[in-house]
Each structure stands twice: as structure tokens, then as C-alpha cells.
């Protein structure tokens, strides 16, 4: 029996997977097409329920197989990513043109160093360098990078680095003004390299 014949006789439009089960049940049925379709519509002997149950079981089995295959692929991908990580030899990286984290920490831990609020930092930048306060955005962290053996960078996080002040020649502020990013360190203003 063709799918179209089954649909016409029963008014039921099965999926291809369901029709495979219907076709198998029809092959095992002792009557003709019309008798099978009549029995299916009336669910004689639980025929329709049995077919639906078998279709559901096949669907569940296919879904489990798909999930198992997916898990296997995910495990392979994880293994390959781990292997690639080792091969690329990622290492911590700090741009030498920017203030190094060790320098910042030395200033932060020194006696008399205080953390500045955004307004205090803006006021200092306005007083010393004439930056317009309304255009300044104080940046309170720096990105953390790693570099691989091919000199490719990747960002792996951020480190908190709020503005701090100890003296006119011992301080740190990282900020944006307009489209430029700057670092003020120990009364030396320089562009921040991204």
C-alpha cells in the first residue's frame, strides 16, 4: 500500500517514520488495504495504538542513538581542543608599552596609596592635563591576554585596576577620552595599547 492510499482511506497523515511502522503492520495484517485501514481507524485490537507505540519506540531509540553520537563527537572535540591548546603553547602576555601588573600592584600596596573615585580621577586629569571631565571615562580594569607560539593573542579575562594615588609622581589612572585610551602612571601620560 502506498502512503497516499493510506492517507486517502484513513484521513491520517503520518510522518515517514510512522508510515514505515504502518507499512510493516500492513504486511503482517491478514486482510486487504481497505480492511487494514478500517481496522486502523477503529483501532480494532489496539492496532493504531500498537503502531503509534512502535513509532514512538523507534523515535526514542533514534533520539538516544543521536544523543550518544553527539556525546561521542563532543568528547572528540574536547580531546582535540585540549591537544590544540598544548600544541599552541599559550603563555601569559602583557604588552611592554603598557603599565605592567607588577608595577601597579607595587603602587597599590605602598603605604599612603588610596583608591580614587571616578570624580576624583576626572578632577585630577582636568587639573593636570586639561581633559574635559564630561568626555572622560575612567576604566577600572584591564584585559588579560595570552599569546601562543604563533604570536596570536586571546583575551582570557580582566583584572581589577581602579585608579590610585599616592603622590604627584606616584599614581595610576586608565581612562578613555573621545576615541583614545590613555594610562597615567607616575605623572607620565601615554596611550594605552590594545
Protein backbone atom coordinates (compact mmCIF):
# COMPACT_ATOMS: atom_id res chain seq x y z
CA UNK A 1 0.00 0.00 0.00
CA UNK A 2 1.26 3.45 -0.89
CA UNK A 3 1.38 6.31 1.64
CA UNK A 4 -1.13 8.30 -0.43
CA UNK A 5 -3.56 5.38 -0.41
CA UNK A 6 -3.31 5.10 3.37
CA UNK A 7 -3.86 8.85 3.82
CA UNK A 8 -6.88 8.84 1.48
CA UNK A 9 -8.52 5.86 3.21
CA UNK A 10 -7.89 6.94 6.82
CA UNK A 11 -7.60 10.74 6.76
CA UNK A 12 -4.45 10.32 8.87
CA UNK A 13 -1.22 11.89 7.60
CA UNK A 14 1.71 10.08 9.23
CA UNK A 15 5.36 11.10 9.15
CA UNK A 16 7.68 8.96 7.05
CA UNK A 17 8.96 7.25 10.19
CA UNK A 18 5.39 6.46 11.31
CA UNK A 19 4.49 5.18 7.85
CA UNK A 20 7.37 2.69 7.95
CA UNK A 21 5.74 1.15 11.05
CA UNK A 22 2.28 1.27 9.38
CA UNK A 23 3.66 -0.46 6.30
CA UNK A 24 5.25 -3.20 8.43
CA UNK A 25 1.93 -3.69 10.28
CA UNK A 26 0.09 -3.87 6.95
CA UNK A 27 2.46 -6.58 5.69
CA UNK A 28 1.65 -8.64 8.81
CA UNK A 29 -2.12 -7.97 8.50
CA UNK A 30 -4.29 -10.77 7.07
CA UNK A 31 -6.81 -8.57 5.22
CA UNK A 32 -6.60 -6.21 2.24
CA UNK A 33 -5.90 -2.44 2.16
CA UNK A 34 -9.48 -1.44 2.89
CA UNK A 35 -9.78 -3.88 5.81
CA UNK A 36 -6.44 -2.69 7.25
CA UNK A 37 -7.38 0.99 7.00
CA UNK A 38 -10.82 0.31 8.54
CA UNK A 39 -9.18 -1.62 11.40
CA UNK A 40 -6.66 1.21 11.87
CA UNK A 41 -9.37 3.90 12.01
CA UNK A 42 -11.46 1.91 14.52
CA UNK A 43 -8.30 0.82 16.42
CA UNK A 44 -9.52 -2.78 16.27
CA UNK A 45 -7.45 -4.94 18.54
CA UNK A 46 -5.47 -1.86 19.51
CA UNK A 47 -3.91 -1.74 16.01
CA UNK A 48 -3.47 2.05 15.87
CA UNK A 49 -2.17 2.16 19.44
CA UNK A 50 0.36 -0.60 18.73
CA UNK A 51 1.54 1.22 15.60
CA UNK A 52 1.84 4.52 17.47
CA UNK A 53 3.68 2.81 20.34
CA UNK A 54 6.13 1.17 17.91
CA UNK A 55 6.67 4.51 16.11
CA UNK A 56 7.32 6.22 19.46
CA UNK A 57 9.77 3.50 20.50
CA UNK A 58 11.65 3.86 17.21
CA UNK A 59 11.73 7.64 17.65
CA UNK A 60 13.09 7.29 21.21
CA UNK A 61 15.70 4.77 20.05
CA UNK A 62 16.78 7.08 17.20
CA UNK A 63 16.95 10.01 19.62
CA UNK A 64 19.12 8.02 22.05
CA UNK A 65 21.44 6.98 19.24
CA UNK A 66 21.68 10.59 18.10
CA UNK A 67 22.44 11.74 21.67
CA UNK A 68 25.09 9.02 22.03
CA UNK A 69 26.69 10.05 18.73
CA UNK A 70 26.59 13.68 19.80
CA UNK A 71 28.28 12.84 23.12
CA UNK A 72 30.98 10.93 21.25
CA UNK A 73 31.59 13.89 18.93
CA UNK A 74 31.67 16.31 21.88
CA UNK A 75 34.26 14.09 23.60
CA UNK A 76 36.35 14.01 20.41
CA UNK A 77 36.10 17.79 20.06
CA UNK A 78 37.15 18.30 23.70
CA UNK A 79 40.13 15.97 23.19
CA UNK A 80 41.17 17.80 20.01
CA UNK A 81 40.79 21.22 21.68
CA UNK A 82 42.96 20.05 24.59
CA UNK A 83 45.58 18.75 22.16
CA UNK A 84 45.49 22.01 20.22
CA UNK A 85 45.90 24.02 23.44
CA UNK A 86 49.06 22.05 24.27
CA UNK A 87 50.40 22.40 20.74
CA UNK A 88 49.89 26.17 20.63
CA UNK A 89 51.77 26.68 23.93
CA UNK A 90 49.67 29.58 25.32
CA UNK A 91 51.50 31.81 27.84
CA UNK A 92 50.60 34.89 29.86
CA UNK A 93 51.18 38.12 27.94
CA UNK A 94 51.50 41.79 28.91
CA UNK A 95 52.23 44.49 26.34
CA UNK A 96 55.56 46.11 27.25
CA UNK A 97 54.25 49.55 26.23
CA UNK A 98 51.55 49.42 28.93
CA UNK A 99 51.90 49.54 32.72
CA UNK A 100 52.76 46.04 33.93
CA UNK A 101 50.55 44.47 36.60
CA UNK A 102 53.52 44.05 38.97
CA UNK A 103 54.20 47.82 38.82
CA UNK A 104 50.56 48.61 39.54
CA UNK A 105 50.48 46.17 42.48
CA UNK A 106 53.66 47.68 43.96
CA UNK A 107 52.00 51.13 43.96
CA UNK A 108 48.67 49.75 45.24
CA UNK A 109 50.37 48.05 48.22
CA UNK A 110 52.52 51.04 49.17
CA UNK A 111 51.66 52.89 52.36
CA UNK A 112 49.60 56.04 51.78
CA UNK A 113 48.15 54.91 48.43
CA UNK A 114 44.42 55.49 48.13
CA UNK A 115 41.86 54.44 45.54
CA UNK A 116 40.30 57.34 43.68
CA UNK A 117 36.64 57.69 42.84
CA UNK A 118 35.79 58.35 39.19
CA UNK A 119 35.07 62.00 40.01
CA UNK A 120 38.41 62.43 41.83
CA UNK A 121 40.28 60.86 38.92
CA UNK A 122 38.46 63.10 36.41
CA UNK A 123 39.25 66.17 38.50
CA UNK A 124 42.95 65.24 38.59
CA UNK A 125 43.04 64.70 34.79
CA UNK A 126 41.29 68.03 34.24
CA UNK A 127 43.62 69.94 36.60
CA UNK A 128 46.87 68.41 35.32
CA UNK A 129 46.18 67.92 31.60
CA UNK A 130 43.03 69.88 30.75
CA UNK A 131 40.90 66.89 29.69
CA UNK A 132 37.18 67.78 29.59
CA UNK A 133 35.58 65.98 32.53
CA UNK A 134 32.40 65.17 30.60
CA UNK A 135 34.43 63.33 27.92
CA UNK A 136 36.49 61.21 30.34
CA UNK A 137 35.50 57.62 31.10
CA UNK A 138 37.54 56.06 33.92
CA UNK A 139 38.41 52.41 33.25
CA UNK A 140 38.65 50.28 36.38
CA UNK A 141 40.05 47.08 34.87
CA UNK A 142 42.49 45.87 32.24
CA UNK A 143 42.13 42.91 29.89
CA UNK A 144 44.28 39.85 30.48
CA UNK A 145 45.79 38.17 27.43
CA UNK A 146 47.67 35.04 26.49
CA UNK A 147 49.93 34.65 23.47
CA UNK A 148 50.68 31.45 21.59
CA UNK A 149 53.77 30.37 19.75
CA UNK A 150 52.41 31.93 16.55
CA UNK A 151 52.14 35.33 18.33
CA UNK A 152 48.33 35.23 18.29
CA UNK A 153 46.60 36.88 21.25
CA UNK A 154 43.44 35.88 23.04
CA UNK A 155 41.65 37.63 25.86
CA UNK A 156 41.11 35.34 28.85
CA UNK A 157 39.64 37.75 31.38
CA UNK A 158 40.08 41.04 33.18
CA UNK A 159 41.92 42.26 36.28
CA UNK A 160 40.52 44.96 38.51
CA UNK A 161 42.73 48.03 38.29
CA UNK A 162 40.99 51.06 39.80
CA UNK A 163 42.66 54.50 39.72
CA UNK A 164 45.05 55.01 42.66
CA UNK A 165 47.06 57.94 44.01
CA UNK A 166 49.99 58.17 46.39
CA UNK A 167 51.78 61.34 45.28
CA UNK A 168 52.05 63.63 42.24
CA UNK A 169 54.77 61.41 40.86
CA UNK A 170 53.35 58.06 42.04
CA UNK A 171 49.87 57.33 40.69
CA UNK A 172 47.87 55.38 38.14
CA UNK A 173 44.70 56.10 36.11
CA UNK A 174 43.48 54.31 32.98
CA UNK A 175 40.82 56.18 31.00
CA UNK A 176 39.19 56.89 27.67
CA UNK A 177 38.71 60.38 26.33
CA UNK A 178 36.97 60.66 22.99
CA UNK A 179 38.17 57.73 20.91
CA UNK A 180 41.58 57.44 22.63
CA UNK A 181 42.60 55.27 25.57
CA UNK A 182 45.31 56.51 27.96
CA UNK A 183 47.26 55.48 31.03
CA UNK A 184 48.56 57.99 33.53
CA UNK A 185 51.40 56.46 35.52
CA UNK A 186 53.64 58.40 37.88
CA UNK A 187 52.78 61.72 36.21
CA UNK A 188 53.53 60.30 32.73
CA UNK A 189 50.64 60.25 30.28
CA UNK A 190 50.79 57.75 27.40
CA UNK A 191 48.42 55.97 25.03
CA UNK A 192 47.17 52.59 26.20
CA UNK A 193 47.98 49.91 23.60
CA UNK A 194 45.14 47.43 22.92
